[in-house]
Amino acid sequence: MTKPENRNHLKIRKAVFPAAGLGTRFLPATKAQPKEMLPLVDKPIIQYVIEEAVLSGLQNIIIVTGRGKNAIEDHFDVSYELEKILEARGKTDLVEQVRSVSELIHVSYVRQKEALGLGHAILMTRELVGNEPFAVFLGDDIIESDIACMKQMMAVYDRYHCAVVALEEVSKDDISRYGVIEGNAVGSDALGKRIFKIENMVEKPPREQAPSNLAIIGRYILTPEIFDCLEQTRAGAGGEIQLTDGLKGLLNIQPIYGYQFEGKRHDAGDKLGFLKATVELALKRADLGQPFREYLKSLHL
C-alpha cells in the first residue's frame, strides 16, 4: 500500500457517490423512484452534486447503486430515442440539454446488494478506486459556492496530503443529528482559521456532550488506507458499517483535517430541507426567479 509520505505526487482523480440508500424519509415518493432522482426545480438531486465534481476537475465518477436505482444509470446514459424525437420536433435547445447530461462525466457503477451503511458503500468501491486518494460526495448536501466546495477541499489536501472532511457550524439544537469533531484551527490567518486538525470525532452526540459546534457534512477526501479501516470496522446498529467509525480508525494511523468550507449548504435529505432548497434554487433562476417571487408574495403568508 502507498504510504502517505510517498503520496505527495498523487492528485485527486476519482469521485465516489454512494446512492444505494433506501430513501425512507421520502416515502411513498421513493417506493419506485430513487431519492437521488427527485427533482430540485428541473434537475435531479444527484446531478447538482455531479456538477460540483465536474467543477472541481473530477470526471472519473463511481456511483454505488442498489436495487431500484436503474433510473440513475439511465439519466447519465445516452437517450437516442428521446433525442431523435426532440430533433424531429425542432426542439434543438432541449436536445442540447439532454445530450449535455450524458456527456458530462465518465461513469462506473458498483452494486451494493444490501444497504449496510455508508462505510460499507465506500468499501464496495475499493477495486475501482485503487491505491490513490479519492473524493466522496453525499447527494443529500447541495452546496452553492463561488468556488466548488470539493475544489476548496482539494486545495487543503494538496497542502497536507491527508484525509479532509467538510465542516459546517451547526446550531446546538441540531448538533445531535451529525458527526461532530474535536480539534483546533491550524493557523491564525483566514485560511488557517478554516482548517482544523482533528483530534476526535463523535457521532450524533447529545447536545450537552458535543465537543464543538462543527459538524461533518457530506464531502470527504479519503486516502486508500480507509479501506483497511472499514474492513476492520464492526457493524453497529442495524448491521451497518459507519464511515465515522472507519474515520476514527484512520485517525489512529494518520492525521485528518477538517475544512470549514465557504458557501451555503442545502440539506435536501429531509422533506423540509428539500422544500427550502427547491424554493431558494428556483428564486435564483433567471427564467423563474421573478415570476416565482411574485407568486410567493401573492400568498400573503
Protein backbone atom coordinates (compact mmCIF):
# COMPACT_ATOMS: atom_id res chain seq x y z
CA MET A 1 0.00 0.00 0.00
CA THR A 2 1.21 3.50 -0.83
CA LYS A 3 2.43 5.29 2.28
CA PRO A 4 1.08 8.80 2.94
CA GLU A 5 4.56 10.33 2.81
CA ASN A 6 5.04 8.94 -0.73
CA ARG A 7 1.69 10.13 -1.97
CA ASN A 8 2.56 13.80 -2.48
CA HIS A 9 2.56 13.45 -6.26
CA LEU A 10 -0.89 11.88 -6.44
CA LYS A 11 -3.83 14.10 -7.33
CA ILE A 12 -7.49 13.50 -6.64
CA ARG A 13 -8.87 11.96 -9.84
CA LYS A 14 -11.86 9.87 -8.77
CA ALA A 15 -15.13 10.70 -7.05
CA VAL A 16 -17.42 8.25 -5.27
CA PHE A 17 -21.17 8.83 -4.98
CA PRO A 18 -22.98 6.46 -2.60
CA ALA A 19 -26.54 6.18 -3.93
CA ALA A 20 -27.77 2.82 -2.67
CA GLY A 21 -29.80 4.06 0.32
CA LEU A 22 -33.49 3.30 0.64
CA GLY A 23 -34.66 6.91 0.89
CA THR A 24 -37.21 6.06 3.57
CA ARG A 25 -37.67 9.69 4.65
CA PHE A 26 -39.28 10.42 1.27
CA LEU A 27 -41.70 7.51 1.12
CA PRO A 28 -44.00 6.94 -0.68
CA ALA A 29 -42.29 9.02 -3.43
CA THR A 30 -39.21 6.78 -3.24
CA LYS A 31 -41.08 3.47 -3.31
CA ALA A 32 -40.38 3.10 -7.04
CA GLN A 33 -38.02 6.06 -7.65
CA PRO A 34 -34.51 6.65 -6.29
CA LYS A 35 -34.31 9.52 -3.83
CA GLU A 36 -31.33 10.79 -5.81
CA MET A 37 -33.62 11.33 -8.81
CA LEU A 38 -36.12 13.56 -7.01
CA PRO A 39 -36.08 16.89 -8.86
CA LEU A 40 -34.94 20.18 -7.37
CA VAL A 41 -36.70 22.51 -9.81
CA ASP A 42 -35.85 20.66 -13.05
CA LYS A 43 -32.69 18.68 -12.21
CA PRO A 44 -32.43 15.56 -10.06
CA ILE A 45 -30.59 15.91 -6.75
CA ILE A 46 -27.66 13.79 -7.90
CA GLN A 47 -26.99 15.98 -10.93
CA TYR A 48 -26.28 19.03 -8.74
CA VAL A 49 -23.65 17.03 -6.87
CA ILE A 50 -22.15 15.54 -10.05
CA GLU A 51 -21.86 19.06 -11.47
CA GLU A 52 -19.89 20.11 -8.38
CA ALA A 53 -17.48 17.24 -9.05
CA VAL A 54 -17.03 18.40 -12.65
CA LEU A 55 -16.42 21.99 -11.50
CA SER A 56 -13.75 20.57 -9.18
CA GLY A 57 -11.99 18.93 -12.13
CA LEU A 58 -13.25 15.40 -11.41
CA GLN A 59 -14.79 13.44 -14.26
CA ASN A 60 -13.99 9.86 -13.26
CA ILE A 61 -17.16 9.07 -11.34
CA ILE A 62 -18.04 5.92 -9.38
CA ILE A 63 -21.67 5.62 -8.33
CA VAL A 64 -22.69 3.00 -5.77
CA THR A 65 -26.19 1.80 -6.61
CA GLY A 66 -28.60 -0.84 -5.37
CA ARG A 67 -31.95 -2.36 -6.22
CA GLY A 68 -34.39 0.01 -7.91
CA LYS A 69 -31.69 2.52 -8.88
CA ASN A 70 -31.72 1.94 -12.66
CA ALA A 71 -33.09 5.45 -13.23
CA ILE A 72 -29.73 6.90 -12.14
CA GLU A 73 -27.88 4.90 -14.79
CA ASP A 74 -30.48 5.84 -17.42
CA HIS A 75 -30.18 9.53 -16.55
CA PHE A 76 -26.44 9.66 -17.27
CA ASP A 77 -26.68 7.40 -20.33
CA VAL A 78 -27.34 8.44 -23.92
CA SER A 79 -31.06 8.59 -24.78
CA TYR A 80 -31.12 8.10 -28.55
CA GLU A 81 -34.90 7.77 -28.81
CA LEU A 82 -35.61 10.96 -26.86
CA GLU A 83 -33.00 12.91 -28.84
CA LYS A 84 -34.47 11.75 -32.16
CA ILE A 85 -38.00 12.72 -31.12
CA LEU A 86 -36.87 16.18 -29.97
CA GLU A 87 -34.85 16.69 -33.13
CA ALA A 88 -37.84 15.74 -35.28
CA ARG A 89 -39.91 18.34 -33.45
CA GLY A 90 -37.28 21.02 -33.94
CA LYS A 91 -36.54 21.36 -30.21
CA THR A 92 -32.78 21.72 -30.58
CA ASP A 93 -32.36 23.52 -27.26
CA LEU A 94 -33.82 20.54 -25.40
CA VAL A 95 -31.65 18.14 -27.42
CA GLU A 96 -28.58 20.01 -26.21
CA GLN A 97 -29.78 19.85 -22.59
CA VAL A 98 -30.39 16.10 -22.77
CA ARG A 99 -27.10 15.41 -24.55
CA SER A 100 -25.07 17.55 -22.15
CA VAL A 101 -26.09 15.29 -19.24
CA SER A 102 -24.75 12.13 -20.89
CA GLU A 103 -21.56 13.93 -21.96
CA LEU A 104 -20.94 15.38 -18.51
CA ILE A 105 -18.90 12.55 -16.99
CA HIS A 106 -17.40 9.07 -17.36
CA VAL A 107 -19.33 6.80 -15.00
CA SER A 108 -18.63 3.40 -13.44
CA TYR A 109 -21.21 1.65 -11.30
CA VAL A 110 -20.80 -0.62 -8.28
CA ARG A 111 -23.73 -2.58 -6.90
CA GLN A 112 -24.30 -2.64 -3.14
CA LYS A 113 -26.56 -5.67 -2.76
CA GLU A 114 -27.64 -4.76 0.77
CA ALA A 115 -27.91 -1.29 2.34
CA LEU A 116 -25.31 -1.92 5.04
CA GLY A 117 -24.30 1.65 5.74
CA LEU A 118 -22.23 4.45 4.22
CA GLY A 119 -18.95 2.86 5.25
CA HIS A 120 -19.89 -0.39 3.53
CA ALA A 121 -20.91 1.51 0.36
CA ILE A 122 -17.49 3.17 0.19
CA LEU A 123 -15.76 -0.16 0.86
CA MET A 124 -17.52 -1.59 -2.22
CA THR A 125 -15.55 0.82 -4.44
CA ARG A 126 -12.12 -0.43 -3.37
CA GLU A 127 -11.19 -2.16 -6.63
CA LEU A 128 -12.31 0.75 -8.81
CA VAL A 129 -10.66 3.42 -6.66
CA GLY A 130 -7.39 1.54 -6.35
CA ASN A 131 -4.42 2.76 -4.35
CA GLU A 132 -4.98 6.50 -4.56
CA PRO A 133 -6.79 9.30 -2.71
CA PHE A 134 -10.37 9.96 -3.76
CA ALA A 135 -13.34 12.25 -3.13
CA VAL A 136 -16.72 11.26 -1.69
CA PHE A 137 -19.91 13.23 -2.30
CA LEU A 138 -23.18 12.64 -0.44
CA GLY A 139 -26.20 13.66 -2.50
CA ASP A 140 -28.23 14.97 0.44
CA ASP A 141 -25.99 18.04 0.64
CA ILE A 142 -26.33 20.56 -2.18
CA ILE A 143 -23.68 23.28 -1.79
CA GLU A 144 -23.73 26.64 -3.53
CA SER A 145 -20.38 28.45 -3.60
CA ASP A 146 -18.27 30.68 -5.81
CA ILE A 147 -15.56 28.01 -5.80
CA ALA A 148 -16.88 24.43 -5.74
CA CYS A 149 -16.75 23.02 -2.22
CA MET A 150 -14.72 19.98 -3.26
CA LYS A 151 -12.26 22.18 -5.15
CA GLN A 152 -11.72 24.15 -1.92
CA MET A 153 -11.08 20.88 -0.09
CA MET A 154 -8.67 19.66 -2.75
CA ALA A 155 -6.52 22.73 -2.06
CA VAL A 156 -6.36 21.66 1.60
CA TYR A 157 -5.42 18.12 0.55
CA ASP A 158 -2.65 19.48 -1.68
CA ARG A 159 -1.23 21.22 1.38
CA TYR A 160 -1.36 18.32 3.87
CA HIS A 161 -1.76 15.13 1.76
CA CYS A 162 -4.12 13.66 4.35
CA ALA A 163 -7.83 12.95 4.56
CA VAL A 164 -10.06 16.04 4.65
CA VAL A 165 -13.69 16.30 5.78
CA ALA A 166 -16.02 19.24 5.17
CA LEU A 167 -17.22 21.11 8.25
CA GLU A 168 -20.11 23.45 8.95
CA GLU A 169 -21.15 25.31 12.07
CA VAL A 170 -24.43 23.84 13.30
CA SER A 171 -26.82 25.13 15.95
CA LYS A 172 -26.88 23.35 19.31
CA ASP A 173 -30.46 22.30 18.64
CA ASP A 174 -29.38 20.35 15.54
CA ILE A 175 -25.95 19.11 16.62
CA SER A 176 -27.21 15.65 17.67
CA ARG A 177 -28.04 14.88 14.02
CA TYR A 178 -24.40 15.00 12.91
CA GLY A 179 -20.93 13.65 13.40
CA VAL A 180 -19.05 16.33 15.34
CA ILE A 181 -15.31 17.00 15.53
CA GLU A 182 -12.99 17.89 18.36
CA GLY A 183 -9.96 19.79 17.11
CA ASN A 184 -8.09 23.06 16.76
CA ALA A 185 -7.60 25.56 13.96
CA VAL A 186 -4.15 25.20 12.41
CA GLY A 187 -3.41 28.92 11.95
CA SER A 188 -4.44 32.48 12.65
CA ASP A 189 -4.77 33.64 9.03
CA ALA A 190 -8.10 33.50 7.16
CA LEU A 191 -7.44 30.05 5.67
CA GLY A 192 -5.84 28.64 8.80
CA LYS A 193 -8.91 29.55 10.83
CA ARG A 194 -11.00 27.40 8.49
CA ILE A 195 -8.72 24.33 8.70
CA PHE A 196 -8.86 22.15 11.80
CA LYS A 197 -6.55 19.32 12.83
CA ILE A 198 -8.99 16.74 14.15
CA GLU A 199 -8.33 15.05 17.49
CA ASN A 200 -11.58 13.08 17.79
CA MET A 201 -14.98 12.57 16.17
CA VAL A 202 -18.27 11.88 17.94
CA GLU A 203 -21.26 10.52 16.06
CA LYS A 204 -24.58 12.23 16.89
CA PRO A 205 -23.68 13.38 20.42
CA PRO A 206 -26.31 14.70 22.83
CA ARG A 207 -26.35 18.49 22.79
CA GLU A 208 -24.61 18.82 26.15
CA GLN A 209 -21.85 16.35 25.20
CA ALA A 210 -20.92 17.76 21.77
CA PRO A 211 -17.19 18.65 21.73
CA SER A 212 -17.82 21.58 19.35
CA ASN A 213 -20.44 23.04 17.02
CA LEU A 214 -18.52 21.91 13.91
CA ALA A 215 -20.39 19.13 12.14
CA ILE A 216 -19.10 16.85 9.40
CA ILE A 217 -21.22 17.19 6.28
CA GLY A 218 -21.35 15.23 3.03
CA ARG A 219 -17.98 15.93 1.39
CA TYR A 220 -14.82 13.92 2.07
CA ILE A 221 -11.37 13.40 0.64
CA LEU A 222 -10.13 9.98 1.75
CA THR A 223 -6.83 8.15 1.45
CA PRO A 224 -6.79 4.46 0.42
CA GLU A 225 -5.95 3.39 3.97
CA ILE A 226 -9.63 3.99 4.74
CA PHE A 227 -10.47 0.68 3.05
CA ASP A 228 -8.49 -1.38 5.57
CA CYS A 229 -10.04 0.65 8.38
CA LEU A 230 -13.55 0.00 7.07
CA GLU A 231 -12.82 -3.72 6.68
CA GLN A 232 -11.85 -3.84 10.34
CA THR A 233 -14.86 -1.79 11.48
CA ARG A 234 -17.55 -3.71 13.30
CA ALA A 235 -21.11 -3.28 12.17
CA GLY A 236 -23.20 -1.16 14.53
CA ALA A 237 -26.94 -0.73 14.95
CA GLY A 238 -28.92 -2.29 12.12
CA GLY A 239 -25.85 -4.18 10.92
CA GLU A 240 -24.46 -1.06 9.25
CA ILE A 241 -20.79 -0.11 8.89
CA GLN A 242 -20.50 3.59 9.67
CA LEU A 243 -17.99 5.82 7.89
CA THR A 244 -17.38 7.78 11.11
CA ASP A 245 -16.13 4.59 12.78
CA GLY A 246 -13.80 3.97 9.84
CA LEU A 247 -12.52 7.55 10.08
CA LYS A 248 -11.75 7.02 13.76
CA GLY A 249 -9.62 4.04 12.77
CA LEU A 250 -7.89 6.15 10.10
CA LEU A 251 -7.22 8.87 12.69
CA ASN A 252 -5.17 6.33 14.67
CA ILE A 253 -2.68 5.94 11.81
CA GLN A 254 -2.60 9.32 10.06
CA PRO A 255 -3.83 12.89 10.56
CA ILE A 256 -7.26 14.01 9.37
CA TYR A 257 -8.12 17.65 8.73
CA GLY A 258 -11.48 19.37 8.74
CA TYR A 259 -12.22 22.29 6.46
CA GLN A 260 -14.98 24.82 7.15
CA PHE A 261 -15.98 25.43 3.55
CA GLU A 262 -17.13 28.74 2.08
CA GLY A 263 -20.63 28.55 0.65
CA LYS A 264 -24.20 27.67 1.53
CA ARG A 265 -25.39 24.12 2.12
CA HIS A 266 -28.93 22.98 1.38
CA ASP A 267 -29.94 19.86 3.31
CA ALA A 268 -32.02 18.00 0.75
CA GLY A 269 -32.06 14.87 2.88
CA ASP A 270 -35.35 15.60 4.64
CA LYS A 271 -38.67 16.95 3.44
CA LEU A 272 -38.42 20.43 4.94
CA GLY A 273 -34.84 20.91 3.75
CA PHE A 274 -35.83 19.66 0.30
CA LEU A 275 -38.67 22.19 0.11
CA LYS A 276 -36.42 25.03 1.24
CA ALA A 277 -33.79 24.08 -1.34
CA THR A 278 -36.42 23.98 -4.09
CA VAL A 279 -37.66 27.47 -3.24
CA GLU A 280 -34.20 29.04 -2.91
CA LEU A 281 -32.83 27.47 -6.09
CA ALA A 282 -35.96 28.45 -8.04
CA LEU A 283 -35.68 32.07 -6.87
CA LYS A 284 -32.13 32.25 -8.25
CA ARG A 285 -33.16 31.11 -11.71
CA ALA A 286 -33.13 33.81 -14.39
CA ASP A 287 -36.18 32.28 -16.09
CA LEU A 288 -38.21 31.54 -12.96
CA GLY A 289 -36.99 33.80 -10.17
CA GLN A 290 -39.08 36.91 -10.74
CA PRO A 291 -42.47 35.30 -11.53
CA PHE A 292 -41.98 32.81 -8.70
CA ARG A 293 -41.12 35.65 -6.28
CA GLU A 294 -44.29 37.49 -7.31
CA TYR A 295 -46.30 34.33 -6.76
CA LEU A 296 -44.89 33.86 -3.26
CA LYS A 297 -45.72 37.47 -2.40
CA SER A 298 -49.29 36.93 -3.55
CA LEU A 299 -49.80 34.20 -0.95
CA HIS A 300 -49.78 36.76 1.93
CA LEU A 301 -48.31 34.19 4.31
